[in-house]
Amino acid sequence: MKNYKWLVIFIIFVFVAIGFFLKSSNVNLVKNFQKEQVTENQNENQVEDSNKAPVISINGHDFVVEVAIDPAIQKKGLSGRESLPENAGIIFAYPGKNKLTFWMIDMRFNIDLLWINDDKIVGIEKNMLAPAAGTEDKDLVLYSSPEPVNRVLEINSGLVDKYGLKVGDTLEYNNINF
């Protein structure tokens, strides 16, 4: 009789273990399926998003941009970043036209800057140098627009020369609402 009890306990233990294993396997199968679905959806969204990405075209050269309308985002800009993809940038958009001043606070790479009125370049700052580590804010170079502007585009240093961008060039905005 004692052996029979142990046999029943052993069989119950085996069934519990098998049940736990099957449940665990099913959970993993469901999780893997969900991960595959999420990945597929992300890939589809990335394709859709790339078609809807904000892009600025200047003389046939496209720049995928971040749009900075919010004052907090405008204040931060590109500071603190290590780099910017080759044909990327950030466009700062303001509600009215004002004489603007920018500086390179906490910048870690050099940029070119385009001062813009609506869709026309009215000024260019080339090769704005990232400040040396430890430079105090009071010692940073200030860059001011040549006239009141409502937009500013920052791109990687050297692209103004590489693409021959100049004052008077017109910008085309795609998928951007200011």
Protein backbone atom coordinates (compact mmCIF):
# COMPACT_ATOMS: atom_id res chain seq x y z
CA MET A 1 0.00 0.00 0.00
CA LYS A 2 2.86 2.37 0.81
CA ASN A 3 4.34 1.80 -2.64
CA TYR A 4 0.96 2.51 -4.20
CA LYS A 5 0.78 5.93 -2.44
CA TRP A 6 4.25 6.82 -3.69
CA LEU A 7 3.32 5.70 -7.19
CA VAL A 8 0.21 7.93 -7.14
CA ILE A 9 2.23 10.86 -5.78
CA PHE A 10 4.88 10.28 -8.45
CA ILE A 11 2.25 10.15 -11.24
CA ILE A 12 0.62 13.36 -9.95
CA PHE A 13 4.03 15.01 -9.81
CA VAL A 14 4.75 13.94 -13.40
CA PHE A 15 1.38 15.32 -14.60
CA VAL A 16 1.96 18.62 -12.76
CA ALA A 17 5.45 18.89 -14.27
CA ILE A 18 4.13 18.12 -17.76
CA GLY A 19 1.32 20.63 -17.28
CA PHE A 20 3.76 23.28 -16.12
CA PHE A 21 6.05 22.56 -19.07
CA LEU A 22 3.18 22.76 -21.58
CA LYS A 23 1.86 25.98 -20.05
CA SER A 24 5.34 27.48 -20.10
CA SER A 25 5.82 26.39 -23.73
CA ASN A 26 2.47 27.85 -24.74
CA VAL A 27 3.25 31.11 -22.97
CA ASN A 28 6.57 31.29 -24.83
CA LEU A 29 4.86 30.47 -28.10
CA VAL A 30 2.32 33.21 -27.49
CA LYS A 31 5.05 35.66 -26.46
CA ASN A 32 7.13 34.81 -29.54
CA PHE A 33 4.09 35.20 -31.77
CA GLN A 34 3.30 38.55 -30.16
CA LYS A 35 6.93 39.68 -30.61
CA GLU A 36 6.79 38.67 -34.29
CA GLN A 37 3.53 40.60 -34.70
CA VAL A 38 4.99 43.67 -32.98
CA THR A 39 8.12 43.46 -35.15
CA GLU A 40 6.04 43.13 -38.31
CA ASN A 41 3.89 46.08 -37.26
CA GLN A 42 6.97 48.15 -36.41
CA ASN A 43 8.48 47.36 -39.81
CA GLU A 44 5.23 48.35 -41.53
CA ASN A 45 5.07 51.53 -39.43
CA GLN A 46 8.69 52.35 -40.23
CA VAL A 47 7.94 52.08 -43.95
CA GLU A 48 4.85 54.22 -43.50
CA ASP A 49 6.72 56.67 -41.24
CA SER A 50 9.61 57.00 -43.69
CA ASN A 51 7.08 58.04 -46.31
CA LYS A 52 5.71 60.60 -43.84
CA ALA A 53 9.03 61.79 -42.42
CA PRO A 54 9.46 65.56 -42.36
CA VAL A 55 11.80 66.41 -45.21
CA ILE A 56 13.24 69.69 -46.43
CA SER A 57 14.47 69.83 -50.02
CA ILE A 58 16.96 72.46 -51.11
CA ASN A 59 18.21 72.41 -54.72
CA GLY A 60 17.32 68.71 -55.03
CA HIS A 61 19.03 67.72 -51.79
CA ASP A 62 16.77 66.20 -49.13
CA PHE A 63 17.24 66.55 -45.39
CA VAL A 64 15.16 64.46 -42.99
CA VAL A 65 14.49 66.85 -40.14
CA GLU A 66 13.17 67.08 -36.64
CA VAL A 67 10.70 69.92 -36.28
CA ALA A 68 11.28 72.08 -33.20
CA ILE A 69 8.22 74.19 -32.46
CA ASP A 70 7.97 73.64 -28.70
CA PRO A 71 10.12 76.13 -26.74
CA ALA A 72 11.64 73.38 -24.56
CA ILE A 73 12.75 71.44 -27.64
CA GLN A 74 14.01 74.63 -29.26
CA LYS A 75 16.06 75.43 -26.16
CA LYS A 76 17.70 71.98 -26.20
CA GLY A 77 18.16 71.74 -29.97
CA LEU A 78 21.03 69.43 -30.86
CA SER A 79 22.96 69.98 -27.64
CA GLY A 80 24.17 66.90 -25.85
CA ARG A 81 24.12 64.70 -28.95
CA GLU A 82 27.22 63.01 -30.28
CA SER A 83 26.36 63.38 -33.96
CA LEU A 84 23.68 63.84 -36.59
CA PRO A 85 23.05 61.46 -39.52
CA GLU A 86 24.55 62.73 -42.80
CA ASN A 87 21.49 64.29 -44.43
CA ALA A 88 19.52 65.07 -41.31
CA GLY A 89 18.87 68.22 -39.39
CA ILE A 90 16.60 70.14 -37.11
CA ILE A 91 14.32 72.97 -38.21
CA PHE A 92 13.36 75.54 -35.60
CA ALA A 93 10.04 77.22 -36.43
CA TYR A 94 8.81 80.40 -34.75
CA PRO A 95 5.36 82.02 -35.00
CA GLY A 96 6.67 85.42 -36.05
CA LYS A 97 9.77 86.89 -37.65
CA ASN A 98 12.40 88.08 -35.19
CA LYS A 99 16.09 88.76 -35.08
CA LEU A 100 17.36 85.52 -33.53
CA THR A 101 20.59 84.61 -31.77
CA PHE A 102 21.90 81.06 -31.41
CA TRP A 103 24.84 79.61 -29.54
CA MET A 104 26.53 76.22 -29.37
CA ILE A 105 25.81 75.35 -25.75
CA ASP A 106 26.72 71.71 -24.96
CA MET A 107 27.29 70.94 -28.66
CA ARG A 108 29.62 68.06 -29.45
CA PHE A 109 29.93 68.41 -33.21
CA ASN A 110 30.18 71.21 -35.76
CA ILE A 111 27.18 72.39 -37.77
CA ASP A 112 26.11 74.67 -40.58
CA LEU A 113 23.14 76.93 -39.88
CA LEU A 114 20.67 78.44 -42.35
CA TRP A 115 18.64 81.53 -41.41
CA ILE A 116 15.28 81.28 -43.20
CA ASN A 117 12.34 83.56 -43.98
CA ASP A 118 9.35 81.35 -44.78
CA ASP A 119 10.96 79.29 -47.57
CA LYS A 120 14.01 81.35 -48.52
CA ILE A 121 17.56 81.26 -47.14
CA VAL A 122 18.52 84.77 -46.00
CA GLY A 123 21.75 83.96 -44.18
CA ILE A 124 24.25 81.16 -43.64
CA GLU A 125 26.66 80.33 -40.84
CA LYS A 126 29.19 77.72 -41.96
CA ASN A 127 31.26 75.43 -39.77
CA MET A 128 30.02 76.60 -36.41
CA LEU A 129 32.54 74.95 -34.10
CA ALA A 130 31.50 72.93 -31.10
CA PRO A 131 32.96 74.60 -28.02
CA ALA A 132 35.90 73.04 -26.25
CA ALA A 133 35.02 71.00 -23.18
CA GLY A 134 34.71 73.21 -20.13
CA THR A 135 33.86 76.39 -22.06
CA GLU A 136 31.66 78.56 -19.90
CA ASP A 137 28.34 79.77 -21.29
CA LYS A 138 29.50 83.41 -21.08
CA ASP A 139 32.41 82.57 -23.41
CA LEU A 140 30.33 80.96 -26.18
CA VAL A 141 30.21 82.60 -29.61
CA LEU A 142 26.82 84.13 -30.43
CA TYR A 143 25.44 83.84 -33.96
CA SER A 144 22.71 86.31 -34.97
CA SER A 145 20.39 86.29 -37.95
CA PRO A 146 21.16 88.95 -40.57
CA GLU A 147 17.50 90.02 -40.51
CA PRO A 148 14.30 88.91 -38.77
CA VAL A 149 13.57 85.25 -39.55
CA ASN A 150 10.93 82.69 -38.61
CA ARG A 151 12.91 79.50 -39.23
CA VAL A 152 16.41 78.17 -38.66
CA LEU A 153 17.83 74.94 -40.08
CA GLU A 154 20.83 73.21 -38.50
CA ILE A 155 22.66 70.55 -40.52
CA ASN A 156 26.06 68.87 -40.40
CA SER A 157 29.04 71.10 -40.97
CA GLY A 158 30.30 71.08 -44.54
CA LEU A 159 26.96 70.35 -46.22
CA VAL A 160 26.41 73.98 -47.24
CA ASP A 161 29.62 73.81 -49.28
CA LYS A 162 29.13 70.20 -50.40
CA TYR A 163 25.70 70.97 -51.88
CA GLY A 164 26.43 74.55 -52.93
CA LEU A 165 23.67 76.03 -50.79
CA LYS A 166 23.49 79.82 -50.86
CA VAL A 167 21.49 82.85 -49.78
CA GLY A 168 18.39 83.12 -51.97
CA ASP A 169 17.87 79.35 -52.34
CA THR A 170 14.32 78.18 -51.78
CA LEU A 171 13.28 75.41 -49.41
CA GLU A 172 10.51 72.92 -50.10
CA TYR A 173 8.77 71.49 -47.03
CA ASN A 174 7.39 67.93 -47.22
CA ASN A 175 5.27 66.43 -44.42
CA ILE A 176 5.88 69.45 -42.21
CA ASN A 177 3.17 71.54 -40.56
CA PHE A 178 4.40 74.68 -38.87
